[in-house]
Amino acid sequence: MIRNTFFTSLLSALLMVSPLAADEAEVLFATHCAVCHGDDRLGGLGPALIPEALRRLKGDRLHAVIAEGRDATQMPAFGEQLTADEIETLAAFIHTPLPEIPVWDAAKITDTLAVNEDYIPPARPLHDADPLNIFVVVETGDHHISILDGDRFEVMARLPTPLAVHGGPKFSPDGRFVFVMSRDGWVQKVDLWSMQEVARIRAGINSRNIAMSADGKWLAVANYLPMTLTILSTEDLSVAEVKDVIGKNGEPSRVSAVYQAPPRESFILALKDIPEVWEIFYGENPPFYGFVHDHRDEGPLGYDEPFPVRVIKVPDILDDFFFSQDYEYLMGASRETDGGQVIDMVIGQKIADLELPGMPHLGSGITWDRGGTTVMATPHLREGVLSVIDMESWETVEKVTTKGPGFFLRSHENSPYFWSDVFFGPNRDLMHVIDKESLEIVKTLRPVPGKTFAHVEFDRTGDHALVSLWEHDGAVLVYDAKTLEEVKRLPMRKPSGKYNVFNKITFSAGTSH
């Protein structure tokens, strides 16, 4: 907690209240917010709570989040614990600028590099599991990952991670290394052959997710704070570039997410604050679109410059993406509004609107072939419905009614079903299994009444589906994907996600990328 005379005076002036009330605001923050958002307000389990990170959350909207919580997050409601005046005081405190925001440039990032001196790269895997059928299970209950044999369903190793791992881990193209990222910007590299940590580095102060380049050379880190994209070398986690994210109008933006587009040899950025999509090329011969440019200038960027940027202007802010399997089309939506857009990545133009009510979660979408047509399905965070969209006409072909809003969809090329959780609301203990052709719910699982049941991942063959009992004293439940019967249960500490090496490195249509 920052406590000094200057800060208290500044806060009092901004709030137009007495220093005693300013002290009360700090106490409220320390009591109700600091455990998730950090004593310094720079983030931890939750995002940073400073004006720079809350640009679209002001006034009554911020008051409502404090009082009522926030959809699709772990933000609880404080309306019954705090009075209206206390919420007002806390909101003003959160929107008070810090006396100083830390600089987090390449030099600062490099200073945080921590290498495991005991790590010796093995010449071959030091276990007898299929290296491509390993699962990495993120356990947020006590900040660990478990490395799971995907054939015997046995835990081979359990390693500590940085606080609050966020976003899916990413695997090197050969499946040997996995990279995990925490909400406070730490990136950890783990060797799955030896099941040892290799090194870690803090690439941002408050970060969202990571993406791996198709050639395995680069790791991109999306940052809320500072408003940058950090690009690391996967070999030694050295900093290749820290790219400021500033729109053509000069306005900086938080990066909501970064994705890799393998056929395009690029990273694609979803931006939280400006109506632009950025494509950053890492290949040796980036395509020329006529408007590849340096974000600091209007002129073209020479290809002798590293990581050239292409900016695509879009009608509205898009901060949640899904891509066609060939990465020619981007489906985008905003967490703040309903509906969506389709962007043709070749011409850099919007070509269609999407009917997406109820706050879609495109990042958890999946695709499959249905009657000779590729369709995409996405859950919604505010409605108990799944939208199924024809990826040629971009029309909604079906809305599947569920028992409540969901967060994750998963399937496998060898399975006739896709699985949908009911993550939010009173039916969070349910999991729907849905036929890909008829779109009928064939079974609803409820293994532990009253406990959150979510996030499915298949093994490499599609024979088994692993599901999280998303509780502190939780478990990973293994199901036979054909009979839909439980075959094994592995105790875990709030297993938030499971990630299969083969499905991820082959970009299975049934899982997120």
Protein backbone atom coordinates (compact mmCIF):
# COMPACT_ATOMS: atom_id res chain seq x y z
CA MET A 1 0.00 0.00 0.00
CA ILE A 2 1.33 3.41 -0.96
CA ARG A 3 1.20 5.69 2.09
CA ASN A 4 2.81 9.11 2.15
CA THR A 5 1.83 12.73 2.77
CA PHE A 6 1.94 13.66 -0.91
CA PHE A 7 -0.36 10.82 -1.90
CA THR A 8 -2.87 11.47 0.88
CA SER A 9 -2.97 15.17 0.02
CA LEU A 10 -3.40 14.41 -3.67
CA LEU A 11 -6.18 11.95 -2.96
CA SER A 12 -7.94 14.39 -0.65
CA ALA A 13 -7.84 17.10 -3.29
CA LEU A 14 -9.20 14.81 -5.98
CA LEU A 15 -11.94 13.46 -3.77
CA MET A 16 -12.57 16.87 -2.21
CA VAL A 17 -12.78 15.16 1.17
CA SER A 18 -10.73 15.35 4.33
CA PRO A 19 -7.45 13.44 4.79
CA LEU A 20 -9.38 11.27 7.24
CA ALA A 21 -11.75 10.21 4.42
CA ALA A 22 -8.76 9.56 2.18
CA ASP A 23 -7.39 7.22 4.84
CA GLU A 24 -10.78 5.53 4.98
CA ALA A 25 -10.59 4.90 1.20
CA GLU A 26 -7.22 3.21 1.60
CA VAL A 27 -8.61 1.04 4.41
CA LEU A 28 -11.59 0.05 2.26
CA PHE A 29 -9.28 -0.89 -0.59
CA ALA A 30 -6.94 -2.86 1.66
CA THR A 31 -9.87 -4.71 3.24
CA HIS A 32 -11.89 -5.59 0.15
CA CYS A 33 -9.70 -5.26 -2.95
CA ALA A 34 -5.99 -5.67 -2.24
CA VAL A 35 -6.02 -9.46 -1.92
CA CYS A 36 -6.93 -9.78 -5.62
CA HIS A 37 -5.74 -6.50 -7.10
CA GLY A 38 -2.52 -5.93 -5.14
CA ASP A 39 -1.61 -3.54 -2.35
CA ASP A 40 -0.14 -1.22 -4.98
CA ARG A 41 -3.27 -1.47 -7.21
CA LEU A 42 -1.13 -2.88 -10.03
CA GLY A 43 -2.90 -6.23 -10.21
CA GLY A 44 -2.52 -9.78 -8.98
CA LEU A 45 -5.34 -12.32 -9.19
CA GLY A 46 -7.38 -9.50 -10.70
CA PRO A 47 -6.44 -6.64 -13.03
CA ALA A 48 -4.82 -3.37 -12.09
CA LEU A 49 -7.22 -0.85 -10.49
CA ILE A 50 -5.90 2.45 -11.76
CA PRO A 51 -7.39 4.93 -14.26
CA GLU A 52 -5.15 3.74 -17.10
CA ALA A 53 -6.60 0.22 -16.82
CA LEU A 54 -10.24 1.27 -16.34
CA ARG A 55 -10.72 3.67 -19.19
CA ARG A 56 -14.22 2.46 -20.10
CA LEU A 57 -15.32 1.73 -16.55
CA LYS A 58 -16.29 5.04 -14.99
CA GLY A 59 -19.04 6.63 -12.94
CA ASP A 60 -22.15 4.54 -12.44
CA ARG A 61 -20.66 1.62 -14.38
CA LEU A 62 -17.81 1.29 -11.90
CA HIS A 63 -20.21 1.66 -8.96
CA ALA A 64 -22.34 -1.14 -10.43
CA VAL A 65 -19.35 -3.48 -10.80
CA ILE A 66 -18.35 -2.93 -7.18
CA ALA A 67 -21.91 -3.46 -5.97
CA GLU A 68 -23.01 -6.27 -8.30
CA GLY A 69 -19.82 -8.00 -9.44
CA ARG A 70 -18.94 -8.56 -13.08
CA ASP A 71 -20.10 -11.16 -15.60
CA ALA A 72 -17.57 -13.77 -16.73
CA THR A 73 -15.03 -12.89 -14.04
CA GLN A 74 -14.30 -13.81 -10.44
CA MET A 75 -15.24 -10.29 -9.32
CA PRO A 76 -17.72 -10.71 -6.41
CA ALA A 77 -20.55 -8.37 -5.49
CA PHE A 78 -19.98 -6.06 -2.53
CA GLY A 79 -23.42 -4.43 -2.47
CA GLU A 80 -24.39 -6.15 0.76
CA GLN A 81 -21.08 -5.42 2.50
CA LEU A 82 -20.57 -1.77 1.58
CA THR A 83 -22.84 1.24 1.84
CA ALA A 84 -23.49 3.49 -1.14
CA ASP A 85 -21.14 6.10 0.34
CA GLU A 86 -18.39 3.52 0.81
CA ILE A 87 -18.78 2.36 -2.79
CA GLU A 88 -18.56 5.99 -3.93
CA THR A 89 -15.41 6.53 -1.88
CA LEU A 90 -13.84 3.31 -3.15
CA ALA A 91 -14.66 4.13 -6.78
CA ALA A 92 -13.08 7.57 -6.46
CA PHE A 93 -9.99 6.02 -4.88
CA ILE A 94 -9.65 3.53 -7.72
CA HIS A 95 -9.85 6.35 -10.27
CA THR A 96 -7.18 8.37 -8.49
CA PRO A 97 -3.89 8.31 -10.46
CA LEU A 98 -0.92 6.72 -8.77
CA PRO A 99 1.89 9.16 -7.98
CA GLU A 100 4.03 7.14 -10.34
CA ILE A 101 3.43 4.14 -12.59
CA PRO A 102 6.49 1.93 -12.91
CA VAL A 103 8.35 1.97 -16.21
CA TRP A 104 8.36 -1.53 -17.67
CA ASP A 105 10.65 -1.43 -20.68
CA ALA A 106 13.06 -3.98 -22.13
CA ALA A 107 15.73 -3.22 -19.53
CA LYS A 108 13.30 -3.62 -16.61
CA ILE A 109 11.95 -6.85 -18.08
CA THR A 110 15.45 -8.25 -18.61
CA ASP A 111 16.33 -7.51 -14.99
CA THR A 112 13.63 -9.92 -13.83
CA LEU A 113 14.94 -12.96 -15.71
CA ALA A 114 15.40 -15.90 -13.32
CA VAL A 115 17.11 -18.99 -14.70
CA ASN A 116 16.93 -22.40 -13.04
CA GLU A 117 20.61 -23.16 -12.50
CA ASP A 118 19.83 -26.84 -11.80
CA TYR A 119 18.19 -27.39 -15.18
CA ILE A 120 20.15 -29.59 -17.60
CA PRO A 121 18.46 -30.21 -20.98
CA PRO A 122 17.97 -33.96 -21.45
CA ALA A 123 18.65 -35.65 -24.79
CA ARG A 124 15.34 -37.51 -24.62
CA PRO A 125 12.20 -37.58 -22.47
CA LEU A 126 12.89 -38.74 -18.91
CA HIS A 127 9.53 -40.52 -18.73
CA ASP A 128 7.78 -43.24 -20.73
CA ALA A 129 4.57 -41.32 -21.48
CA ASP A 130 3.60 -40.39 -25.03
CA PRO A 131 5.12 -36.88 -25.28
CA LEU A 132 2.27 -35.76 -27.56
CA ASN A 133 -0.51 -37.06 -25.32
CA ILE A 134 0.53 -35.19 -22.21
CA PHE A 135 -1.88 -32.78 -20.51
CA VAL A 136 -0.84 -29.68 -18.61
CA VAL A 137 -3.43 -28.99 -15.91
CA VAL A 138 -3.50 -25.48 -14.42
CA GLU A 139 -4.42 -25.60 -10.72
CA THR A 140 -5.28 -22.09 -9.60
CA GLY A 141 -6.21 -23.22 -6.09
CA ASP A 142 -2.59 -23.29 -5.00
CA HIS A 143 -0.78 -21.97 -8.11
CA HIS A 144 0.66 -25.15 -9.62
CA ILE A 145 0.57 -27.06 -12.88
CA SER A 146 0.24 -30.83 -12.98
CA ILE A 147 1.79 -32.76 -15.86
CA LEU A 148 -0.57 -35.62 -16.67
CA ASP A 149 0.03 -38.81 -18.67
CA GLY A 150 -2.84 -38.81 -21.17
CA ASP A 151 -2.90 -42.58 -21.61
CA ARG A 152 -2.74 -43.80 -18.00
CA PHE A 153 -4.26 -40.60 -16.55
CA GLU A 154 -1.64 -40.36 -13.85
CA VAL A 155 0.09 -37.22 -12.57
CA MET A 156 3.79 -37.43 -13.42
CA ALA A 157 4.92 -34.14 -11.87
CA ARG A 158 3.54 -31.06 -10.13
CA LEU A 159 5.34 -27.72 -10.42
CA PRO A 160 4.73 -24.32 -8.78
CA THR A 161 3.79 -21.46 -11.08
CA PRO A 162 3.67 -17.68 -10.69
CA LEU A 163 0.57 -16.29 -9.00
CA ALA A 164 -2.71 -16.49 -10.92
CA VAL A 165 -1.93 -18.18 -14.24
CA HIS A 166 -4.18 -16.57 -16.86
CA GLY A 167 -4.92 -17.61 -20.44
CA GLY A 168 -4.06 -20.96 -21.93
CA PRO A 169 -0.47 -22.26 -21.80
CA LYS A 170 1.29 -22.45 -25.16
CA PHE A 171 3.42 -25.34 -26.45
CA SER A 172 6.45 -25.24 -28.72
CA PRO A 173 5.69 -26.76 -32.16
CA ASP A 174 7.43 -30.03 -31.23
CA GLY A 175 5.50 -30.22 -27.95
CA ARG A 176 8.59 -30.29 -25.79
CA PHE A 177 8.26 -26.96 -23.97
CA VAL A 178 5.26 -25.29 -22.43
CA PHE A 179 4.99 -21.60 -21.55
CA VAL A 180 2.55 -20.33 -18.92
CA MET A 181 1.73 -16.74 -18.04
CA SER A 182 0.38 -15.14 -14.87
CA ARG A 183 -1.96 -12.20 -14.51
CA ASP A 184 0.92 -10.08 -13.16
CA GLY A 185 3.00 -10.65 -16.28
CA TRP A 186 5.33 -13.51 -15.34
CA VAL A 187 6.14 -15.96 -18.14
CA GLN A 188 7.43 -19.39 -17.14
CA LYS A 189 9.14 -21.90 -19.45
CA VAL A 190 8.90 -25.60 -18.55
CA ASP A 191 10.62 -28.57 -20.24
CA LEU A 192 8.09 -31.41 -20.51
CA TRP A 193 10.85 -33.94 -21.20
CA SER A 194 12.45 -33.41 -17.81
CA MET A 195 9.38 -31.82 -16.16
CA GLN A 196 11.52 -28.96 -14.85
CA GLU A 197 11.20 -25.21 -14.95
CA VAL A 198 13.79 -23.71 -17.30
CA ALA A 199 13.40 -20.00 -16.54
CA ARG A 200 10.89 -17.22 -15.93
CA ILE A 201 10.69 -13.51 -16.70
CA ARG A 202 8.19 -10.72 -15.99
CA ALA A 203 7.10 -9.41 -19.39
CA GLY A 204 4.45 -6.98 -18.13
CA ILE A 205 2.88 -5.56 -15.00
CA ASN A 206 -0.65 -6.70 -15.81
CA SER A 207 -1.01 -9.16 -18.69
CA ARG A 208 -3.77 -11.04 -20.51
CA ASN A 209 -2.39 -13.98 -22.51
CA ILE A 210 0.46 -15.26 -24.67
CA ALA A 211 0.83 -16.61 -28.22
CA MET A 212 3.54 -18.73 -29.82
CA SER A 213 4.83 -18.09 -33.34
CA ALA A 214 4.38 -20.96 -35.80
CA ASP A 215 8.15 -21.42 -36.13
CA GLY A 216 8.49 -21.64 -32.35
CA LYS A 217 10.99 -18.77 -32.15
CA TRP A 218 8.88 -16.04 -30.57
CA LEU A 219 6.45 -15.66 -27.71
CA ALA A 220 4.14 -12.62 -27.69
CA VAL A 221 2.72 -11.29 -24.40
CA ALA A 222 -0.42 -9.13 -24.41
CA ASN A 223 -0.30 -6.44 -21.75
CA TYR A 224 -2.93 -4.25 -20.14
CA LEU A 225 -0.20 -2.42 -18.23
CA PRO A 226 1.86 -1.01 -19.70
CA MET A 227 -0.10 -0.81 -22.96
CA THR A 228 2.37 -2.89 -24.93
CA LEU A 229 3.06 -6.15 -26.69
CA THR A 230 6.23 -7.81 -25.41
CA ILE A 231 7.94 -10.24 -27.78
CA LEU A 232 10.34 -12.73 -26.21
CA SER A 233 12.76 -15.23 -27.69
CA THR A 234 11.51 -18.69 -26.74
CA GLU A 235 15.08 -19.99 -26.58
CA ASP A 236 16.28 -17.93 -23.62
CA LEU A 237 13.34 -15.58 -22.83
CA SER A 238 15.40 -12.58 -23.91
CA VAL A 239 13.45 -9.49 -24.99
CA ALA A 240 13.22 -9.09 -28.75
CA GLU A 241 10.84 -6.12 -28.76
CA VAL A 242 8.51 -4.11 -26.56
CA LYS A 243 5.99 -2.54 -28.90
CA ASP A 244 3.90 0.41 -27.67
CA VAL A 245 0.28 0.01 -28.75
CA ILE A 246 -0.83 3.43 -29.98
CA GLY A 247 -3.62 3.94 -32.48
CA LYS A 248 -3.42 6.07 -35.59
CA ASN A 249 -5.25 8.78 -33.66
CA GLY A 250 -2.49 8.80 -31.04
CA GLU A 251 -4.58 7.05 -28.38
CA PRO A 252 -2.88 4.19 -26.50
CA SER A 253 -4.72 0.92 -25.93
CA ARG A 254 -4.65 -2.06 -23.65
CA VAL A 255 -4.14 -5.38 -25.45
CA SER A 256 -7.06 -7.71 -24.68
CA ALA A 257 -5.46 -10.73 -26.32
CA VAL A 258 -2.83 -11.85 -28.79
CA TYR A 259 -3.30 -14.76 -31.19
CA GLN A 260 -0.99 -16.50 -33.60
CA ALA A 261 -2.00 -16.95 -37.23
CA PRO A 262 0.33 -19.74 -38.45
CA PRO A 263 -0.38 -19.56 -42.21
CA ARG A 264 0.15 -15.80 -42.12
CA GLU A 265 3.33 -15.91 -39.99
CA SER A 266 1.88 -13.22 -37.80
CA PHE A 267 0.47 -12.32 -34.41
CA ILE A 268 -2.97 -10.68 -34.34
CA LEU A 269 -3.92 -8.33 -31.51
CA ALA A 270 -7.35 -7.63 -30.04
CA LEU A 271 -7.36 -4.09 -28.64
CA LYS A 272 -9.50 -2.98 -25.73
CA ASP A 273 -9.67 0.78 -26.30
CA ILE A 274 -9.42 1.62 -30.01
CA PRO A 275 -11.32 0.38 -33.12
CA GLU A 276 -8.32 -1.26 -34.75
CA VAL A 277 -7.00 -4.78 -35.31
CA TRP A 278 -3.22 -5.12 -35.39
CA GLU A 279 -1.32 -7.78 -37.30
CA ILE A 280 2.37 -8.08 -36.46
CA PHE A 281 4.54 -10.11 -38.82
CA TYR A 282 7.48 -12.20 -37.65
CA GLY A 283 8.28 -14.09 -40.89
CA GLU A 284 11.24 -13.23 -43.09
CA ASN A 285 9.07 -12.00 -45.99
CA PRO A 286 5.94 -10.30 -44.68
CA PRO A 287 3.28 -9.61 -47.32
CA PHE A 288 2.90 -6.09 -48.62
CA TYR A 289 -0.59 -4.71 -48.11
CA GLY A 290 0.19 -1.11 -48.96
CA PHE A 291 -0.60 -0.02 -45.42
CA VAL A 292 1.86 -1.94 -43.30
CA HIS A 293 3.18 0.89 -41.17
CA ASP A 294 4.97 1.90 -38.06
CA HIS A 295 2.37 2.79 -35.42
CA ARG A 296 4.34 5.94 -34.64
CA ASP A 297 4.31 7.30 -38.21
CA GLU A 298 1.98 7.44 -41.17
CA GLY A 299 4.59 6.32 -43.67
CA PRO A 300 5.34 2.73 -44.74
CA LEU A 301 7.58 0.66 -42.52
CA GLY A 302 10.70 -0.72 -44.15
CA TYR A 303 11.04 -4.49 -44.00
CA ASP A 304 14.49 -4.10 -42.51
CA GLU A 305 12.62 -3.13 -39.33
CA PRO A 306 11.69 -6.01 -36.99
CA PHE A 307 8.07 -7.08 -36.48
CA PRO A 308 6.28 -4.71 -38.90
CA VAL A 309 2.72 -3.74 -37.99
CA ARG A 310 -0.36 -3.79 -40.21
CA VAL A 311 -3.32 -1.84 -38.83
CA ILE A 312 -6.87 -2.68 -39.89
CA LYS A 313 -9.48 -0.07 -39.03
CA VAL A 314 -12.78 -1.58 -37.87
CA PRO A 315 -16.18 0.07 -37.25
CA ASP A 316 -16.27 -0.73 -33.54
CA ILE A 317 -13.92 -1.89 -30.81
CA LEU A 318 -13.35 -5.67 -30.96
CA ASP A 319 -11.68 -7.35 -28.01
CA ASP A 320 -12.63 -11.03 -28.42
CA PHE A 321 -11.67 -13.03 -31.53
CA PHE A 322 -12.24 -16.32 -33.31
CA PHE A 323 -10.56 -17.35 -36.59
CA SER A 324 -11.45 -19.65 -39.44
CA GLN A 325 -9.15 -22.67 -39.59
CA ASP A 326 -7.23 -21.12 -42.51
CA TYR A 327 -6.99 -17.76 -40.67
CA GLU A 328 -8.41 -15.85 -43.62
CA TYR A 329 -11.41 -14.67 -41.61
CA LEU A 330 -11.60 -13.10 -38.18
CA MET A 331 -14.83 -13.12 -36.20
CA GLY A 332 -14.74 -10.32 -33.64
CA ALA A 333 -16.96 -9.10 -30.84
CA SER A 334 -16.83 -6.73 -27.90
CA ARG A 335 -17.30 -7.76 -24.30
CA GLU A 336 -19.23 -4.51 -23.85
CA THR A 337 -21.90 -5.04 -26.54
CA ASP A 338 -23.90 -7.71 -28.36
CA GLY A 339 -23.33 -8.68 -31.97
CA GLY A 340 -20.11 -9.13 -33.90
CA GLN A 341 -18.26 -8.57 -37.16
CA VAL A 342 -16.44 -10.67 -39.73
CA ILE A 343 -13.14 -9.24 -41.00
CA ASP A 344 -11.55 -10.55 -44.20
CA MET A 345 -7.86 -10.61 -43.25
CA VAL A 346 -6.71 -10.59 -46.88
CA ILE A 347 -8.42 -7.35 -47.86
CA GLY A 348 -8.54 -5.91 -44.35
CA GLN A 349 -12.25 -5.08 -44.47
CA LYS A 350 -15.43 -5.97 -42.62
CA ILE A 351 -17.54 -8.23 -44.84
CA ALA A 352 -20.43 -9.24 -42.57
CA ASP A 353 -22.21 -8.65 -39.30
CA LEU A 354 -22.89 -11.45 -36.85
CA GLU A 355 -26.02 -12.04 -34.80
CA LEU A 356 -24.51 -12.71 -31.36
CA PRO A 357 -26.81 -11.81 -28.45
CA GLY A 358 -25.92 -12.26 -24.82
CA MET A 359 -22.22 -11.30 -24.78
CA PRO A 360 -20.53 -14.01 -26.91
CA HIS A 361 -17.32 -15.69 -25.80
CA LEU A 362 -15.74 -16.20 -29.22
CA GLY A 363 -12.39 -17.21 -27.74
CA SER A 364 -13.98 -20.50 -26.68
CA GLY A 365 -15.59 -21.20 -30.04
CA ILE A 366 -15.08 -24.41 -32.04
CA THR A 367 -15.73 -25.53 -35.62
CA TRP A 368 -16.74 -28.76 -37.34
CA ASP A 369 -18.19 -30.05 -40.61
CA ARG A 370 -21.97 -30.32 -40.51
CA GLY A 371 -23.63 -31.66 -43.64
CA GLY A 372 -20.77 -30.53 -45.85
CA THR A 373 -20.67 -27.02 -44.39
CA THR A 374 -18.24 -25.70 -41.81
CA VAL A 375 -20.05 -24.30 -38.81
CA MET A 376 -18.80 -22.51 -35.74
CA ALA A 377 -20.40 -22.54 -32.29
CA THR A 378 -19.89 -20.08 -29.45
CA PRO A 379 -21.27 -19.82 -25.92
CA HIS A 380 -22.68 -16.63 -24.44
CA LEU A 381 -21.78 -15.19 -21.08
CA ARG A 382 -25.17 -13.63 -20.33
CA GLU A 383 -27.66 -16.02 -21.93
CA GLY A 384 -28.28 -19.75 -21.82
CA VAL A 385 -27.84 -20.19 -25.54
CA LEU A 386 -25.19 -21.44 -27.98
CA SER A 387 -25.03 -19.76 -31.39
CA VAL A 388 -24.20 -22.03 -34.34
CA ILE A 389 -23.01 -20.03 -37.36
CA ASP A 390 -22.50 -21.02 -41.02
CA MET A 391 -18.96 -19.88 -41.86
CA GLU A 392 -19.78 -19.27 -45.51
CA SER A 393 -22.96 -17.24 -45.24
CA TRP A 394 -22.16 -16.01 -41.69
CA GLU A 395 -25.81 -16.60 -40.80
CA THR A 396 -26.90 -18.12 -37.50
CA VAL A 397 -28.26 -21.56 -38.39
CA GLU A 398 -29.32 -22.57 -34.90
CA LYS A 399 -29.56 -21.35 -31.33
CA VAL A 400 -29.20 -24.20 -28.87
CA THR A 401 -30.94 -23.50 -25.57
CA THR A 402 -28.97 -24.51 -22.48
CA LYS A 403 -29.58 -24.44 -18.74
CA GLY A 404 -27.64 -21.20 -18.34
CA PRO A 405 -24.77 -19.06 -19.68
CA GLY A 406 -21.64 -21.02 -20.54
CA PHE A 407 -17.94 -20.29 -20.80
CA PHE A 408 -16.26 -23.14 -22.71
CA LEU A 409 -17.06 -25.36 -25.68
CA ARG A 410 -14.89 -28.32 -26.65
CA SER A 411 -14.95 -31.21 -29.11
CA HIS A 412 -12.63 -33.43 -31.17
CA GLU A 413 -12.51 -34.42 -34.83
CA ASN A 414 -13.14 -38.06 -33.85
CA SER A 415 -16.15 -37.32 -31.66
CA PRO A 416 -19.78 -36.93 -32.80
CA TYR A 417 -20.42 -34.64 -29.83
CA PHE A 418 -19.42 -31.28 -28.47
CA TRP A 419 -19.49 -30.41 -24.79
CA SER A 420 -20.79 -27.19 -23.25
CA ASP A 421 -20.56 -26.16 -19.61
CA VAL A 422 -23.10 -24.02 -17.75
CA PHE A 423 -20.54 -21.92 -15.95
CA PHE A 424 -22.70 -19.11 -14.61
CA GLY A 425 -25.75 -19.22 -12.41
CA PRO A 426 -27.47 -21.89 -10.35
CA ASN A 427 -26.83 -24.69 -12.86
CA ARG A 428 -23.04 -24.33 -12.87
CA ASP A 429 -22.84 -28.02 -11.87
CA LEU A 430 -24.13 -29.16 -15.29
CA MET A 431 -22.37 -30.16 -18.51
CA HIS A 432 -24.32 -30.62 -21.75
CA VAL A 433 -23.17 -33.14 -24.37
CA ILE A 434 -24.61 -32.15 -27.76
CA ASP A 435 -24.84 -34.02 -31.07
CA LYS A 436 -22.93 -32.15 -33.81
CA GLU A 437 -25.46 -33.02 -36.53
CA SER A 438 -28.84 -32.78 -34.84
CA LEU A 439 -27.71 -30.13 -32.32
CA GLU A 440 -29.79 -31.94 -29.72
CA ILE A 441 -28.57 -32.37 -26.13
CA VAL A 442 -27.97 -36.12 -25.84
CA LYS A 443 -26.95 -36.11 -22.17
CA THR A 444 -26.53 -33.67 -19.29
CA LEU A 445 -23.89 -34.61 -16.74
CA ARG A 446 -24.10 -33.62 -13.08
CA PRO A 447 -21.39 -35.51 -11.18
CA VAL A 448 -21.29 -33.34 -8.02
CA PRO A 449 -24.46 -31.32 -7.32
CA GLY A 450 -23.81 -27.71 -6.39
CA LYS A 451 -20.17 -27.69 -7.55
CA THR A 452 -18.87 -25.90 -10.67
CA PHE A 453 -18.22 -28.32 -13.53
CA ALA A 454 -16.39 -26.81 -16.51
CA HIS A 455 -13.70 -26.80 -19.21
CA VAL A 456 -13.39 -29.97 -21.27
CA GLU A 457 -10.28 -31.14 -23.11
CA PHE A 458 -9.99 -34.34 -25.15
CA ASP A 459 -7.00 -36.64 -25.37
CA ARG A 460 -5.16 -36.79 -28.69
CA THR A 461 -7.34 -39.59 -30.13
CA GLY A 462 -10.67 -38.21 -28.95
CA ASP A 463 -11.39 -41.35 -26.89
CA HIS A 464 -11.54 -39.55 -23.55
CA ALA A 465 -12.79 -36.17 -22.34
CA LEU A 466 -11.32 -34.57 -19.22
CA VAL A 467 -13.50 -32.18 -17.24
CA SER A 468 -12.70 -29.88 -14.29
CA LEU A 469 -14.50 -29.92 -10.98
CA TRP A 470 -13.68 -26.24 -10.57
CA GLU A 471 -13.40 -26.12 -6.78
CA HIS A 472 -10.52 -25.65 -4.35
CA ASP A 473 -10.86 -29.29 -3.30
CA GLY A 474 -11.67 -30.22 -6.86
CA ALA A 475 -10.71 -32.87 -9.36
CA VAL A 476 -10.21 -33.73 -13.00
CA LEU A 477 -12.86 -36.22 -14.09
CA VAL A 478 -12.03 -38.53 -17.00
CA TYR A 479 -14.94 -39.62 -19.21
CA ASP A 480 -15.19 -42.23 -21.94
CA ALA A 481 -16.07 -39.95 -24.86
CA LYS A 482 -18.30 -42.60 -26.48
CA THR A 483 -20.25 -44.01 -23.54
CA LEU A 484 -20.15 -40.71 -21.59
CA GLU A 485 -19.39 -42.64 -18.41
CA GLU A 486 -16.85 -41.49 -15.82
CA VAL A 487 -13.77 -43.77 -15.74
CA LYS A 488 -11.41 -41.97 -13.34
CA ARG A 489 -11.21 -39.05 -10.94
CA LEU A 490 -7.96 -37.25 -10.06
CA PRO A 491 -7.98 -34.87 -7.04
CA MET A 492 -6.78 -31.35 -7.95
CA ARG A 493 -6.71 -27.86 -6.41
CA LYS A 494 -9.21 -25.85 -8.46
CA PRO A 495 -8.18 -27.13 -11.89
CA SER A 496 -9.18 -24.23 -14.11
CA GLY A 497 -8.01 -25.70 -17.41
CA LYS A 498 -6.41 -28.72 -19.09
CA TYR A 499 -4.38 -28.57 -22.27
CA ASN A 500 -3.40 -31.53 -24.48
CA VAL A 501 -0.09 -31.21 -26.33
CA PHE A 502 -1.19 -32.88 -29.56
CA ASN A 503 -4.51 -31.06 -29.88
CA LYS A 504 -2.86 -27.71 -29.28
CA ILE A 505 0.14 -28.06 -31.61
CA THR A 506 -2.04 -29.48 -34.43
CA PHE A 507 -4.65 -26.73 -33.96
CA SER A 508 -7.54 -29.12 -33.51
CA ALA A 509 -10.84 -27.59 -34.61
CA GLY A 510 -12.36 -28.82 -31.36
CA THR A 511 -10.27 -26.72 -28.99
CA SER A 512 -9.26 -23.09 -28.57
CA HIS A 513 -6.10 -21.82 -30.21
